[in-house]
Structure formats: structure tokens, C-alpha cells
Protein backbone atom coordinates (compact mmCIF):
# COMPACT_ATOMS: atom_id res chain seq x y z
CA UNK A 1 210.34 192.66 29.20
CA UNK A 2 210.37 194.84 32.28
CA UNK A 3 210.88 198.58 31.83
CA UNK A 4 214.20 198.41 33.64
CA UNK A 5 215.65 195.68 31.43
CA UNK A 6 217.14 198.54 29.42
CA UNK A 7 219.11 200.37 32.12
CA UNK A 8 219.73 204.11 32.23
CA UNK A 9 223.25 205.24 31.41
CA UNK A 10 225.66 204.50 34.23
CA UNK A 11 223.44 201.88 35.93
CA UNK A 12 224.88 198.39 36.43
CA UNK A 13 221.92 196.00 35.94
CA UNK A 14 223.82 193.13 37.55
CA UNK A 15 223.81 194.80 40.98
CA UNK A 16 220.46 194.42 42.80
CA UNK A 17 218.79 197.48 44.32
CA UNK A 18 216.57 197.62 47.40
CA UNK A 19 214.10 199.96 45.65
CA UNK A 20 213.81 197.70 42.62
CA UNK A 21 213.42 194.49 44.67
CA UNK A 22 210.59 196.22 46.54
CA UNK A 23 209.06 197.26 43.20
CA UNK A 24 209.24 193.64 42.03
CA UNK A 25 207.47 192.36 45.16
CA UNK A 26 204.69 194.91 44.65
CA UNK A 27 204.16 193.72 41.08
CA UNK A 28 205.96 196.63 39.41
CA UNK A 29 207.87 196.49 36.14
CA UNK A 30 210.86 198.71 36.91
CA UNK A 31 213.40 196.11 37.94
CA UNK A 32 216.26 194.07 36.47
CA UNK A 33 216.85 190.33 36.36
CA UNK A 34 219.32 190.70 39.27
CA UNK A 35 216.61 192.38 41.38
CA UNK A 36 214.10 189.66 40.59
CA UNK A 37 216.65 186.97 41.38
CA UNK A 38 217.41 188.53 44.75
CA UNK A 39 213.71 189.03 45.46
CA UNK A 40 213.03 185.38 44.70
CA UNK A 41 215.91 184.24 46.94
CA UNK A 42 214.61 186.29 49.84
CA UNK A 43 211.06 185.08 49.22
CA UNK A 44 212.24 181.46 49.17
CA UNK A 45 213.77 181.91 52.62
CA UNK A 46 211.05 184.24 53.97
CA UNK A 47 207.83 183.68 51.98
CA UNK A 48 206.07 186.48 53.85
CA UNK A 49 208.35 189.26 52.58
CA UNK A 50 206.31 190.36 49.51
CA UNK A 51 203.11 190.47 51.55
CA UNK A 52 204.92 192.42 54.27
CA UNK A 53 206.00 194.91 51.58
CA UNK A 54 202.37 195.27 50.56
CA UNK A 55 201.35 195.84 54.21
CA UNK A 56 203.90 198.66 54.23
CA UNK A 57 202.32 200.17 51.12
CA UNK A 58 198.85 199.96 52.70
CA UNK A 59 200.22 201.74 55.78
CA UNK A 60 201.63 204.46 53.52
CA UNK A 61 198.22 205.04 52.00
CA UNK A 62 196.44 205.18 55.37
CA UNK A 63 198.95 207.47 57.03
CA UNK A 64 199.14 209.90 54.10
CA UNK A 65 195.35 210.12 53.98
CA UNK A 66 195.39 210.93 57.70
CA UNK A 67 198.14 213.53 57.38
CA UNK A 68 196.79 215.29 54.28
CA UNK A 69 193.18 215.06 55.40
CA UNK A 70 192.59 215.02 59.16
CA UNK A 71 195.93 216.64 60.10
CA UNK A 72 195.82 219.18 57.24
CA UNK A 73 199.45 218.70 56.21
CA UNK A 74 200.23 220.10 52.77
CA UNK A 75 203.98 219.37 52.48
CA UNK A 76 205.65 215.96 52.41
CA UNK A 77 209.32 214.98 52.42
CA UNK A 78 209.72 211.30 51.49
CA UNK A 79 213.23 210.08 52.30
CA UNK A 80 214.35 206.86 50.60
CA UNK A 81 211.22 207.01 48.47
CA UNK A 82 212.08 204.29 45.96
CA UNK A 83 209.96 204.03 42.83
CA UNK A 84 206.84 206.28 42.84
CA UNK A 85 204.37 203.63 41.74
CA UNK A 86 201.41 201.77 43.24
CA UNK A 87 199.58 204.81 44.71
CA UNK A 88 202.51 206.59 46.25
CA UNK A 89 202.63 209.67 48.48
CA UNK A 90 201.86 212.36 45.90
CA UNK A 91 198.80 210.54 44.54
CA UNK A 92 197.27 209.86 47.94
CA UNK A 93 198.13 213.27 49.40
CA UNK A 94 196.86 215.27 46.44
CA UNK A 95 193.52 213.46 46.47
CA UNK A 96 192.93 214.56 50.05
CA UNK A 97 194.73 217.91 49.77
CA UNK A 98 194.84 219.04 46.09
CA UNK A 99 197.56 221.61 46.69
CA UNK A 100 199.86 219.23 48.59
CA UNK A 101 203.54 219.42 47.66
CA UNK A 102 205.79 216.38 47.78
CA UNK A 103 209.57 215.99 47.60
CA UNK A 104 210.83 212.49 46.85
CA UNK A 105 214.44 211.73 47.78
CA UNK A 106 216.45 208.68 46.71
CA UNK A 107 219.89 207.75 45.44
CA UNK A 108 218.92 204.88 43.13
CA UNK A 109 219.50 205.95 39.48
CA UNK A 110 216.61 203.86 38.16
CA UNK A 111 214.24 205.20 40.81
CA UNK A 112 215.30 208.76 40.03
CA UNK A 113 215.04 208.35 36.26
CA UNK A 114 211.62 206.73 36.50
CA UNK A 115 210.34 209.27 39.00
CA UNK A 116 211.45 212.25 36.92
CA UNK A 117 209.82 210.83 33.80
CA UNK A 118 206.61 209.97 35.61
CA UNK A 119 206.35 213.27 37.42
CA UNK A 120 207.61 215.60 34.68
CA UNK A 121 204.23 217.32 34.34
CA UNK A 122 203.38 217.40 38.03
CA UNK A 123 204.22 220.86 39.31
CA UNK A 124 203.69 220.11 43.00
CA UNK A 125 205.87 216.99 43.05
CA UNK A 126 209.67 217.10 43.02
CA UNK A 127 212.44 214.50 42.79
CA UNK A 128 215.78 215.03 44.51
CA UNK A 129 218.92 212.92 44.44
CA UNK A 130 220.30 212.65 47.93
CA UNK A 131 222.54 210.63 50.23
CA UNK A 132 220.66 209.96 53.47
CA UNK A 133 223.96 209.83 55.34
CA UNK A 134 224.26 213.55 54.53
CA UNK A 135 220.84 215.04 55.27
CA UNK A 136 221.89 218.71 55.32
CA UNK A 137 222.06 219.14 51.49
CA UNK A 138 218.72 217.34 51.18
CA UNK A 139 217.13 219.72 53.67
CA UNK A 140 218.56 222.73 51.86
CA UNK A 141 217.12 221.58 48.54
CA UNK A 142 213.75 220.71 50.07
CA UNK A 143 213.66 224.20 51.60
CA UNK A 144 214.28 225.74 48.20
CA UNK A 145 211.53 223.66 46.59
CA UNK A 146 208.67 223.67 49.10
CA UNK A 147 209.94 225.67 52.08
CA UNK A 148 210.44 224.34 55.59
CA UNK A 149 208.59 227.17 57.31
CA UNK A 150 205.27 225.31 57.53
CA UNK A 151 204.59 221.87 59.04
CA UNK A 152 206.08 219.02 57.03
CA UNK A 153 205.32 215.30 57.05
CA UNK A 154 208.67 213.49 56.98
CA UNK A 155 208.28 209.97 55.63
CA UNK A 156 210.91 207.34 56.52
CA UNK A 157 209.25 204.15 55.38
CA UNK A 158 211.21 200.88 55.29
CA UNK A 159 214.55 202.68 55.05
CA UNK A 160 215.97 203.21 58.55
CA UNK A 161 216.78 199.51 58.86
CA UNK A 162 219.40 200.04 56.16
CA UNK A 163 221.29 202.53 58.33
CA UNK A 164 223.50 201.53 61.28
CA UNK A 165 222.56 202.87 64.71
CA UNK A 166 225.10 205.69 64.81
CA UNK A 167 223.76 207.03 61.51
CA UNK A 168 220.07 206.18 61.73
CA UNK A 169 219.38 208.07 64.95
CA UNK A 170 221.62 210.96 63.89
CA UNK A 171 219.81 211.35 60.57
CA UNK A 172 216.40 211.36 62.24
CA UNK A 173 217.50 213.97 64.81
CA UNK A 174 219.08 216.19 62.14
CA UNK A 175 216.01 216.10 59.94
CA UNK A 176 213.47 216.65 62.70
CA UNK A 177 215.52 219.45 64.28
CA UNK A 178 215.14 221.30 60.96
CA UNK A 179 211.36 220.87 60.91
CA UNK A 180 208.98 223.51 62.30
CA UNK A 181 206.54 222.75 65.14
CA UNK A 182 203.49 220.84 63.98
CA UNK A 183 205.56 218.62 61.67
CA UNK A 184 205.17 214.84 61.68
CA UNK A 185 207.61 211.95 61.47
CA UNK A 186 206.36 208.68 59.97
CA UNK A 187 208.47 205.55 60.48
CA UNK A 188 208.10 201.94 59.40
CA UNK A 189 210.80 199.41 60.15
CA UNK A 190 211.27 195.64 60.06
CA UNK A 191 211.45 194.01 63.47
CA UNK A 192 213.89 191.50 64.89
CA UNK A 193 212.58 187.98 64.32
CA UNK A 194 214.28 184.73 63.25
CA UNK A 195 212.52 184.89 59.88
CA UNK A 196 213.62 188.45 59.19
CA UNK A 197 217.19 187.62 60.17
CA UNK A 198 217.21 185.31 57.15
CA UNK A 199 216.11 188.17 54.91
CA UNK A 200 218.71 190.48 56.45
CA UNK A 201 221.45 187.98 55.62
CA UNK A 202 220.58 188.21 51.91
CA UNK A 203 220.82 192.00 51.97
CA UNK A 204 224.15 191.82 53.78
CA UNK A 205 225.49 189.36 51.21
CA UNK A 206 224.52 191.79 48.42
CA UNK A 207 226.47 194.60 50.06
CA UNK A 208 223.51 196.34 51.70
CA UNK A 209 223.47 195.71 55.42
CA UNK A 210 220.12 195.52 57.22
CA UNK A 211 219.83 196.31 60.94
CA UNK A 212 217.01 194.56 62.77
CA UNK A 213 215.63 196.45 65.77
CA UNK A 214 213.21 195.70 68.58
CA UNK A 215 209.94 197.65 68.96
CA UNK A 216 211.59 199.62 71.78
CA UNK A 217 214.55 200.56 69.57
CA UNK A 218 212.19 201.57 66.75
CA UNK A 219 210.17 203.68 69.18
CA UNK A 220 213.37 205.61 70.01
CA UNK A 221 213.19 207.26 66.57
CA UNK A 222 210.04 209.01 67.79
CA UNK A 223 211.46 210.15 71.14
CA UNK A 224 210.49 213.71 72.00
CA UNK A 225 207.48 213.68 69.67
CA UNK A 226 203.81 213.34 70.58
CA UNK A 227 202.75 209.89 69.39
CA UNK A 228 199.66 209.74 67.22
CA UNK A 229 197.32 206.98 68.46
CA UNK A 230 197.57 204.01 68.41
CA UNK A 231 201.30 204.62 68.98
CA UNK A 232 204.14 202.35 67.91
CA UNK A 233 202.46 199.18 66.65
CA UNK A 234 202.73 196.45 63.98
CA UNK A 235 201.84 197.67 60.48
CA UNK A 236 198.32 196.17 60.31
CA UNK A 237 197.39 197.74 63.68
CA UNK A 238 197.92 201.39 62.69
CA UNK A 239 194.39 202.68 62.02
CA UNK A 240 193.34 199.64 59.95
CA UNK A 241 190.67 200.09 57.31
CA UNK A 242 188.76 197.79 55.00
CA UNK A 243 191.89 196.92 52.99
CA UNK A 244 193.68 195.21 55.88
CA UNK A 245 191.36 192.28 56.74
CA UNK A 246 191.69 191.01 53.16
CA UNK A 247 195.35 190.19 53.86
CA UNK A 248 197.09 187.81 56.21
CA UNK A 249 197.34 190.29 59.08
CA UNK A 250 199.85 188.18 60.98
CA UNK A 251 202.35 188.66 58.15
CA UNK A 252 202.56 192.37 58.88
CA UNK A 253 203.10 191.90 62.62
CA UNK A 254 206.86 191.56 62.24
CA UNK A 255 207.17 195.13 60.93
CA UNK A 256 206.64 198.12 63.24
CA UNK A 257 205.37 201.61 62.50
CA UNK A 258 204.61 204.83 64.29
CA UNK A 259 203.79 208.49 63.76
CA UNK A 260 204.89 211.39 65.96
CA UNK A 261 204.11 215.11 65.95
CA UNK A 262 206.69 217.74 66.82
CA UNK A 263 205.57 220.16 69.51
């Protein structure tokens, strides 16, 4: 039985969740039958989706190591964080920068419950419930927890494609306007391909719309920032290390990522 087969109070286990489907694809145990069913339907139409999710997790590990190590960032704001499993931001960051502070933000009740239980004894890691359509309260709470007076790494991994254009670009601008100079924005986003349009149709049918964007449209999220080399590229091409060649690299090419630094 998966951990999430006994749902927290107020959670409808018959309604699939993006965070829990992603957890299922990564081999996690915090998902319901409805999440696994949806994950299997998407996988049947787009067999590459679970491997693409894993490419995204490998990118997370590489970019956090860069930010906490080479860039010296000690504060992270992870928006739409999902379930904090499989070597997530706080684990990677605190290995490279032991004093690193992390704020996870999500609105999924299972993700929040699991995160709070997992991180209850971790003083430098915080969990915040927040609606990404309303970033101002999230920023206020993050400021109270870790302060926004020093450079922050803002993580927006595999979440902007669930926001329509008028909201996605507004949210990014609002968040980055609140960040001090020297802060970073990290973005990963599914591209616009025939295969991914099939996956998007499943999300739309479940009530969660997915917006596919071209590499140029994804790059717009980083406008006004100094791009960190190699720029806006497919997931496997961002500073690959020894973990990437072991996978089917072509699978990750349909998802785009980039990192920018605020002047």
C-alpha cells in the first residue's frame, strides 16, 4: 500500500494531483490510485514522460549544486515544490552549503502534509501553503522565514506550464521584482511537441490545463536577467554530468530549462 492510500483529512483521493503523479513516475510512494491511473494513461500515450520527469530531477540536482556551491547561494525559494523526496532542494543545497535555508511552497494537501512530517526536525527548511496565482502573500511569508534581503535562488521547476500566459509571466515578474540583486531564477518547462500535446490533453481532461510553449516563449521568463551558460537549452544539455549519459538523452530534449541572474 502506498503511503497516500490513507488520505489526510479533507483530501479527495479520487482527484489526481500533478505533484502525486510526478511522485509516482519517480518511483515514490506518496500517491493515490487515481494518480497512478492518470500517470499510466499519460505514459501509455507518451511513454517518455516518466523518464522526462527524471531528467527534470537530475537537472534540479545539478543546478542546486551549482547555486549552493559555485554561486554561493544560501537561500532557496521553491515554488510549486511538490513532494520533497528523491534528493530534493534542501538535501542537495545543504550538502554543498550546510547553512542553506529552503522554503518549499505548494498547495497540494498531500504534498504539504508529507513535507511537514518529513521536515519537522529540519530547522533550516520550511513548508508554506501558497497559491501561485497570488505570489504576494508567499513572498511576505518567505521574507518572515528566511529574509529577502540577501540573494535568493527562486526555483520554478515544471510548474509554469500549468499557468496561462497572462498569469505565468505576471507571477515571474512579481516574484523577481521582489528579489535583491544577485538572485537567480531557475526555470524548467515542457516544450511544444506533438507527443507532449497528447500529455497536455490528459491534464486538461483532469481539470488542470497545461500550456505548451516554444523555447523562445520559455526564454521570455528569463528576460532582463543575465543567463548562466549554457543558456536556455534542453534539460540534458544544462551542465551535464556523469548521471546524464546513463539515460536516453533524447527523451529530455523536449523539455527546456534555463537559469538567470538578477543584476
